[in-house]
Amino acid sequence: MTDRLSSNRFAQSFNLTTPIALAPMAFAGGGELAAASARAGALGLVGGSYGELDWTRREYGIALEALSEDAGALARLGCGFITWRLDEDRSALDWLLDQPHTPGALFLSFGDPREASKSITQRGIPLICQIQTMAQLPLAVEAGASVIVAQGGEAGGHGMNALDGRSTFTLVPEVADWLAKHSPETQLLAAGGIADGRGLAAALMLGADGALVGSRLWAARESLAPQNAIDTAIEASGDETARTVIFDILREKNWPAEYDFRALRNALHANWEDRIEELRANPEAARADYREGVARGDFTRAHVTVGEGTGLIGDAPTAAEIIARIDKEARALLG
């Protein structure tokens, strides 16, 4: 019987034992989590954050050191960047491209990737481009993406805004059909709400070559997310998340208008849901409240960055255990 997980083209292309990639999550997906994911047979992507050179240099360095004695896992290490931030400051990407280690893949999302992609593809590094709509797909293929990530609105963190976003369940097969017709060599990962083996198996049945996993691995032991944030997410259901611009306003993140942010719908968020324009016009008091919440680890005010899959998170084991569970369940379902 053919092993549909370790023998599919995404796993083979990146020397994986399971067709899973760690989402490059800003501030949570550091070097320890990426290294643990790579050792577990997945593609481990450091979250390049907002392109801060010091953060990327530190966390990518941690991953390199952790994998220095494991050449197979080291080949599965890469990094992700926010595309629109590279238009403002690409020093972290340039630093990474100058290092002796060639990344196993580089990941771009949120913006037109065609300019930033040139220095990546010219070096022969596989490019992964995340999209949220069909209109973005031809641009990603033109940029030279080896892999497309179709991200549904269920995902935690940033994604297409609540008005224009798509469901993972319909976006993935539509992208798969387009690629089969126009660019059959380009691979596809599903993202958004995939937190167990059922999600991975479903992604493959929908036409994807694998899955990008964010929220479930955000709650891994190696994650940089605060433990009490993870504990809060474990107790939450998917009903308790919301996708809005509120936390970007509170965090002073100047995101393009087409994108917003999914996190747990805490008390501070609920207080401003019907007054977003008022918050935009006069945010200082709310920002001070938010910053105090962050400083105190009070997640009734600070944000917890998880998607609708939070209701499928029941514990916070190691990344290796999470990946093994997802793989085992998917194999059983596909058997």
Protein backbone atom coordinates (compact mmCIF):
# COMPACT_ATOMS: atom_id res chain seq x y z
CA MET A 1 0.00 0.00 0.00
CA THR A 2 1.36 3.40 -0.98
CA ASP A 3 2.26 5.70 1.93
CA ARG A 4 0.33 8.82 0.98
CA LEU A 5 2.06 10.98 3.58
CA SER A 6 5.80 10.39 3.35
CA SER A 7 5.74 9.59 -0.38
CA ASN A 8 3.72 12.54 -1.65
CA ARG A 9 5.50 15.17 -3.68
CA PHE A 10 5.67 17.84 -0.97
CA ALA A 11 7.27 15.41 1.48
CA GLN A 12 9.67 14.14 -1.15
CA SER A 13 10.62 17.61 -2.40
CA PHE A 14 11.62 18.77 1.08
CA ASN A 15 12.82 15.43 2.49
CA LEU A 16 10.01 15.29 5.03
CA THR A 17 8.58 12.27 6.78
CA THR A 18 5.13 13.89 6.87
CA PRO A 19 3.64 16.62 4.65
CA ILE A 20 3.43 19.25 7.39
CA ALA A 21 5.01 22.69 7.52
CA LEU A 22 5.24 24.84 10.62
CA ALA A 23 3.62 28.21 9.99
CA PRO A 24 6.21 31.00 10.41
CA MET A 25 4.43 32.73 13.27
CA ALA A 26 5.70 36.14 14.35
CA PHE A 27 6.97 36.22 17.95
CA ALA A 28 5.88 32.61 18.68
CA GLY A 29 7.60 30.58 15.98
CA GLY A 30 11.17 31.00 17.12
CA GLY A 31 14.27 28.92 16.55
CA GLU A 32 13.53 26.25 19.14
CA LEU A 33 10.08 25.50 17.68
CA ALA A 34 11.35 25.49 14.10
CA ALA A 35 14.21 23.17 15.01
CA ALA A 36 11.92 20.80 16.90
CA SER A 37 9.52 20.68 13.94
CA ALA A 38 12.37 19.96 11.53
CA ARG A 39 13.70 17.17 13.75
CA ALA A 40 10.19 15.69 13.81
CA GLY A 41 10.20 15.40 10.01
CA ALA A 42 8.20 18.53 9.14
CA LEU A 43 9.35 21.70 7.40
CA GLY A 44 10.42 24.03 10.21
CA LEU A 45 9.93 27.71 9.37
CA VAL A 46 11.19 30.38 11.75
CA GLY A 47 8.79 33.30 11.97
CA GLY A 48 10.78 36.23 10.63
CA SER A 49 8.55 38.52 12.67
CA TYR A 50 8.22 42.02 11.23
CA GLY A 51 11.59 41.80 9.55
CA GLU A 52 13.56 42.89 12.60
CA LEU A 53 17.16 41.92 11.94
CA ASP A 54 18.10 41.27 15.57
CA TRP A 55 15.10 38.99 16.19
CA THR A 56 15.63 37.00 13.00
CA ARG A 57 19.36 36.69 13.56
CA ARG A 58 18.87 35.45 17.12
CA GLU A 59 16.07 32.96 16.47
CA TYR A 60 17.44 31.59 13.22
CA GLY A 61 20.80 31.23 14.94
CA ILE A 62 19.15 29.23 17.72
CA ALA A 63 17.69 26.86 15.14
CA LEU A 64 21.00 26.49 13.31
CA GLU A 65 22.80 25.66 16.53
CA ALA A 66 20.13 23.16 17.60
CA LEU A 67 20.36 21.33 14.25
CA SER A 68 24.12 21.60 13.73
CA GLU A 69 24.63 17.86 14.30
CA ASP A 70 21.62 16.74 12.25
CA ALA A 71 22.13 17.42 8.53
CA GLY A 72 18.80 15.90 7.55
CA ALA A 73 16.82 18.12 9.89
CA LEU A 74 18.94 21.16 9.02
CA ALA A 75 17.89 20.76 5.38
CA ARG A 76 14.28 21.12 6.57
CA LEU A 77 14.88 24.55 8.17
CA GLY A 78 13.63 27.76 6.59
CA CYS A 79 12.16 31.14 7.45
CA GLY A 80 9.11 33.26 6.67
CA PHE A 81 8.65 36.98 6.13
CA ILE A 82 5.81 39.49 5.85
CA THR A 83 6.03 40.72 2.26
CA TRP A 84 4.81 44.28 2.74
CA ARG A 85 7.36 44.77 5.54
CA LEU A 86 10.16 43.71 3.20
CA ASP A 87 9.16 46.62 0.99
CA GLU A 88 10.03 48.87 3.95
CA ASP A 89 13.01 47.01 5.41
CA ARG A 90 14.56 43.85 3.98
CA SER A 91 17.68 43.78 6.13
CA ALA A 92 16.66 40.51 7.84
CA LEU A 93 16.10 38.75 4.52
CA ASP A 94 19.36 40.07 3.12
CA TRP A 95 21.21 38.89 6.23
CA LEU A 96 19.70 35.43 5.91
CA LEU A 97 20.60 35.17 2.23
CA ASP A 98 24.23 36.01 3.07
CA GLN A 99 24.60 33.16 5.60
CA PRO A 100 26.56 29.98 4.79
CA HIS A 101 23.48 27.85 5.44
CA THR A 102 21.06 27.79 2.52
CA PRO A 103 17.48 27.73 3.85
CA GLY A 104 15.35 24.76 2.92
CA ALA A 105 12.63 27.21 1.90
CA LEU A 106 11.67 30.86 2.29
CA PHE A 107 8.07 31.89 2.84
CA LEU A 108 6.40 35.15 1.79
CA SER A 109 2.89 36.28 2.69
CA PHE A 110 0.76 39.42 2.70
CA GLY A 111 1.65 41.49 -0.33
CA ASP A 112 2.84 41.21 -3.92
CA PRO A 113 5.78 38.78 -3.73
CA ARG A 114 7.28 39.45 -7.15
CA GLU A 115 9.96 41.95 -6.14
CA ALA A 116 11.12 40.24 -2.94
CA SER A 117 11.11 36.84 -4.61
CA LYS A 118 13.84 37.68 -7.11
CA SER A 119 16.77 37.35 -4.72
CA ILE A 120 15.29 34.11 -3.35
CA THR A 121 14.63 32.25 -6.58
CA GLN A 122 17.90 33.45 -8.16
CA ARG A 123 19.72 31.54 -5.41
CA GLY A 124 17.72 28.39 -6.12
CA ILE A 125 15.93 28.51 -2.76
CA PRO A 126 12.40 27.09 -2.91
CA LEU A 127 9.87 29.88 -2.53
CA ILE A 128 6.59 29.37 -0.67
CA CYS A 129 3.93 32.04 -1.20
CA GLN A 130 0.80 32.27 0.92
CA ILE A 131 -2.37 33.59 -0.66
CA GLN A 132 -5.87 34.28 0.61
CA THR A 133 -7.80 34.86 -2.64
CA MET A 134 -7.82 33.51 -6.16
CA ALA A 135 -6.79 36.94 -7.47
CA GLN A 136 -3.44 36.61 -5.66
CA LEU A 137 -2.67 33.21 -7.13
CA PRO A 138 -1.31 34.21 -10.58
CA LEU A 139 1.03 36.76 -8.95
CA ALA A 140 2.48 34.09 -6.67
CA VAL A 141 3.05 31.72 -9.58
CA GLU A 142 4.64 34.55 -11.58
CA ALA A 143 6.95 35.21 -8.62
CA GLY A 144 8.30 31.70 -9.01
CA ALA A 145 6.63 30.00 -6.06
CA SER A 146 7.42 26.30 -5.78
CA VAL A 147 4.63 25.98 -3.24
CA ILE A 148 1.39 27.91 -2.78
CA VAL A 149 -0.28 28.09 0.63
CA ALA A 150 -4.04 28.65 0.41
CA GLN A 151 -4.97 30.28 3.71
CA GLY A 152 -8.59 30.29 4.81
CA GLY A 153 -10.15 32.78 7.17
CA GLU A 154 -10.24 30.22 9.99
CA ALA A 155 -6.52 30.81 10.54
CA GLY A 156 -5.18 32.57 13.58
CA GLY A 157 -3.23 35.80 13.29
CA HIS A 158 -3.30 37.76 10.07
CA GLY A 159 -5.29 36.83 7.01
CA MET A 160 -7.71 38.29 4.51
CA ASN A 161 -10.27 40.56 6.16
CA ALA A 162 -13.55 39.18 7.41
CA LEU A 163 -15.48 40.64 4.47
CA ASP A 164 -13.32 39.25 1.66
CA GLY A 165 -11.79 36.14 3.25
CA ARG A 166 -12.45 32.61 2.08
CA SER A 167 -13.05 29.32 3.85
CA THR A 168 -10.21 26.81 3.73
CA PHE A 169 -12.69 24.12 2.68
CA THR A 170 -13.59 25.88 -0.59
CA LEU A 171 -10.43 27.88 -1.29
CA VAL A 172 -8.09 24.87 -1.32
CA PRO A 173 -9.85 22.82 -4.02
CA GLU A 174 -10.39 25.91 -6.18
CA VAL A 175 -6.68 26.71 -6.01
CA ALA A 176 -5.88 23.03 -6.68
CA ASP A 177 -8.01 23.07 -9.82
CA TRP A 178 -6.40 26.29 -11.07
CA LEU A 179 -2.90 24.94 -10.49
CA ALA A 180 -3.73 21.65 -12.22
CA LYS A 181 -4.72 23.62 -15.30
CA HIS A 182 -2.17 26.46 -15.31
CA SER A 183 0.86 25.36 -13.26
CA PRO A 184 0.73 21.65 -12.43
CA GLU A 185 4.31 21.54 -11.14
CA THR A 186 3.47 24.05 -8.38
CA GLN A 187 2.61 22.37 -5.08
CA LEU A 188 -0.15 23.35 -2.69
CA LEU A 189 -0.52 23.47 1.09
CA ALA A 190 -3.77 24.10 2.94
CA ALA A 191 -3.82 26.48 5.91
CA GLY A 192 -6.47 27.64 8.33
CA GLY A 193 -8.08 25.52 11.02
CA ILE A 194 -5.85 22.45 10.56
CA ALA A 195 -5.03 21.20 14.04
CA ASP A 196 -5.19 17.40 13.92
CA GLY A 197 -4.95 14.41 11.61
CA ARG A 198 -8.49 14.92 10.38
CA GLY A 199 -7.46 18.31 9.06
CA LEU A 200 -4.35 16.95 7.32
CA ALA A 201 -6.30 14.09 5.77
CA ALA A 202 -9.00 16.51 4.62
CA ALA A 203 -6.39 18.83 3.10
CA LEU A 204 -5.02 15.98 1.02
CA MET A 205 -8.50 14.93 -0.09
CA LEU A 206 -9.25 18.52 -1.14
CA GLY A 207 -6.27 18.44 -3.50
CA ALA A 208 -3.48 19.87 -1.36
CA ASP A 209 -0.04 18.27 -1.10
CA GLY A 210 0.17 18.97 2.62
CA ALA A 211 -0.77 21.36 5.40
CA LEU A 212 0.63 24.46 7.06
CA VAL A 213 -0.01 24.18 10.80
CA GLY A 214 -0.08 27.28 12.95
CA SER A 215 -2.27 27.42 16.06
CA ARG A 216 -1.73 23.80 17.08
CA LEU A 217 2.06 24.20 17.04
CA TRP A 218 1.75 27.67 18.59
CA ALA A 219 0.66 25.68 21.65
CA ALA A 220 3.75 23.44 21.62
CA ARG A 221 6.19 23.34 24.51
CA GLU A 222 8.90 24.97 22.37
CA SER A 223 6.71 27.91 21.35
CA LEU A 224 7.65 31.42 22.47
CA ALA A 225 4.00 32.12 23.34
CA PRO A 226 3.54 32.76 27.08
CA GLN A 227 2.38 29.69 28.99
CA ASN A 228 -0.66 31.45 30.42
CA ALA A 229 -1.67 32.48 26.88
CA ILE A 230 -1.44 28.83 25.84
CA ASP A 231 -3.45 27.80 28.90
CA THR A 232 -6.11 30.33 27.94
CA ALA A 233 -6.28 28.97 24.39
CA ILE A 234 -6.59 25.38 25.65
CA GLU A 235 -9.73 26.34 27.57
CA ALA A 236 -11.29 28.22 24.64
CA SER A 237 -13.53 27.03 21.80
CA GLY A 238 -13.42 28.24 18.23
CA ASP A 239 -16.51 30.34 19.00
CA GLU A 240 -14.34 32.57 21.16
CA THR A 241 -12.15 33.88 18.33
CA ALA A 242 -12.83 36.89 16.15
CA ARG A 243 -11.23 38.41 13.07
CA THR A 244 -11.02 42.23 13.22
CA VAL A 245 -8.55 45.12 13.12
CA ILE A 246 -8.84 45.88 16.84
CA PHE A 247 -5.63 44.24 18.00
CA ASP A 248 -3.64 45.80 15.16
CA ILE A 249 -4.85 49.22 16.29
CA LEU A 250 -3.95 48.43 19.89
CA ARG A 251 -0.50 47.11 18.91
CA GLU A 252 0.16 50.01 16.52
CA LYS A 253 0.71 47.65 13.59
CA ASN A 254 0.17 49.46 10.31
CA TRP A 255 -1.19 46.57 8.26
CA PRO A 256 -2.62 47.07 4.77
CA ALA A 257 -6.40 47.48 4.86
CA GLU A 258 -7.17 44.16 3.17
CA TYR A 259 -5.78 42.16 6.10
CA ASP A 260 -7.02 41.79 9.64
CA PHE A 261 -6.25 39.63 12.65
CA ARG A 262 -7.85 36.61 14.35
CA ALA A 263 -7.32 36.07 18.07
CA LEU A 264 -9.35 35.23 21.15
CA ARG A 265 -12.21 37.64 21.67
CA ASN A 266 -11.22 38.87 25.12
CA ALA A 267 -12.78 41.54 27.33
CA LEU A 268 -10.77 44.43 25.89
CA HIS A 269 -11.62 43.38 22.35
CA ALA A 270 -15.32 43.03 23.17
CA ASN A 271 -15.31 46.52 24.67
CA TRP A 272 -14.38 48.05 21.31
CA GLU A 273 -16.16 45.82 18.81
CA ASP A 274 -18.98 48.29 18.22
CA ARG A 275 -16.69 51.34 18.39
CA ILE A 276 -13.85 50.63 15.99
CA GLU A 277 -13.87 54.08 14.38
CA GLU A 278 -13.83 55.67 17.83
CA LEU A 279 -10.85 53.49 18.70
CA ARG A 280 -9.05 54.54 15.51
CA ALA A 281 -9.66 58.21 16.29
CA ASN A 282 -8.60 58.09 19.93
CA PRO A 283 -6.64 54.92 20.73
CA GLU A 284 -4.28 56.12 23.46
CA ALA A 285 -6.19 54.98 26.55
CA ALA A 286 -7.01 51.59 25.04
CA ARG A 287 -3.41 51.10 23.97
CA ALA A 288 -2.21 51.84 27.49
CA ASP A 289 -4.70 49.29 28.82
CA TYR A 290 -3.47 46.74 26.28
CA ARG A 291 0.21 47.36 27.08
CA GLU A 292 -0.46 46.94 30.80
CA GLY A 293 -2.21 43.67 30.02
CA VAL A 294 0.84 42.45 28.10
CA ALA A 295 3.18 43.47 30.91
CA ARG A 296 1.06 41.69 33.51
CA GLY A 297 0.29 38.63 31.41
CA ASP A 298 -3.40 39.51 31.68
CA PHE A 299 -5.06 37.96 28.65
CA THR A 300 -8.38 39.62 29.29
CA ARG A 301 -6.52 42.58 27.78
CA ALA A 302 -3.50 41.18 25.93
CA HIS A 303 -4.20 39.13 22.80
CA VAL A 304 -3.99 35.35 22.36
CA THR A 305 -3.17 34.63 18.73
CA VAL A 306 -5.07 31.50 17.78
CA GLY A 307 -7.52 30.61 15.05
CA GLU A 308 -10.77 28.70 15.07
CA GLY A 309 -8.76 25.53 15.61
CA THR A 310 -8.22 26.54 19.23
CA GLY A 311 -11.17 24.36 20.13
CA LEU A 312 -9.11 21.35 18.96
CA ILE A 313 -6.17 22.19 21.25
CA GLY A 314 -6.35 20.20 24.47
CA ASP A 315 -2.78 20.29 25.74
CA ALA A 316 0.70 21.69 25.12
CA PRO A 317 3.13 18.83 24.51
CA THR A 318 6.31 18.99 22.44
CA ALA A 319 6.20 19.83 18.75
CA ALA A 320 7.43 16.30 18.01
CA GLU A 321 4.46 14.80 19.85
CA ILE A 322 1.97 17.09 18.10
CA ILE A 323 3.39 16.30 14.67
CA ALA A 324 3.45 12.56 15.42
CA ARG A 325 -0.19 12.65 16.55
CA ILE A 326 -1.33 14.49 13.43
CA ASP A 327 0.64 12.14 11.21
CA LYS A 328 -0.62 8.99 12.92
CA GLU A 329 -4.27 10.05 12.82
CA ALA A 330 -4.07 11.11 9.18
CA ARG A 331 -2.46 7.80 8.20
CA ALA A 332 -5.25 5.88 9.93
CA LEU A 333 -7.92 7.91 8.18
CA LEU A 334 -6.30 7.59 4.78
CA GLY A 335 -5.37 3.93 5.21
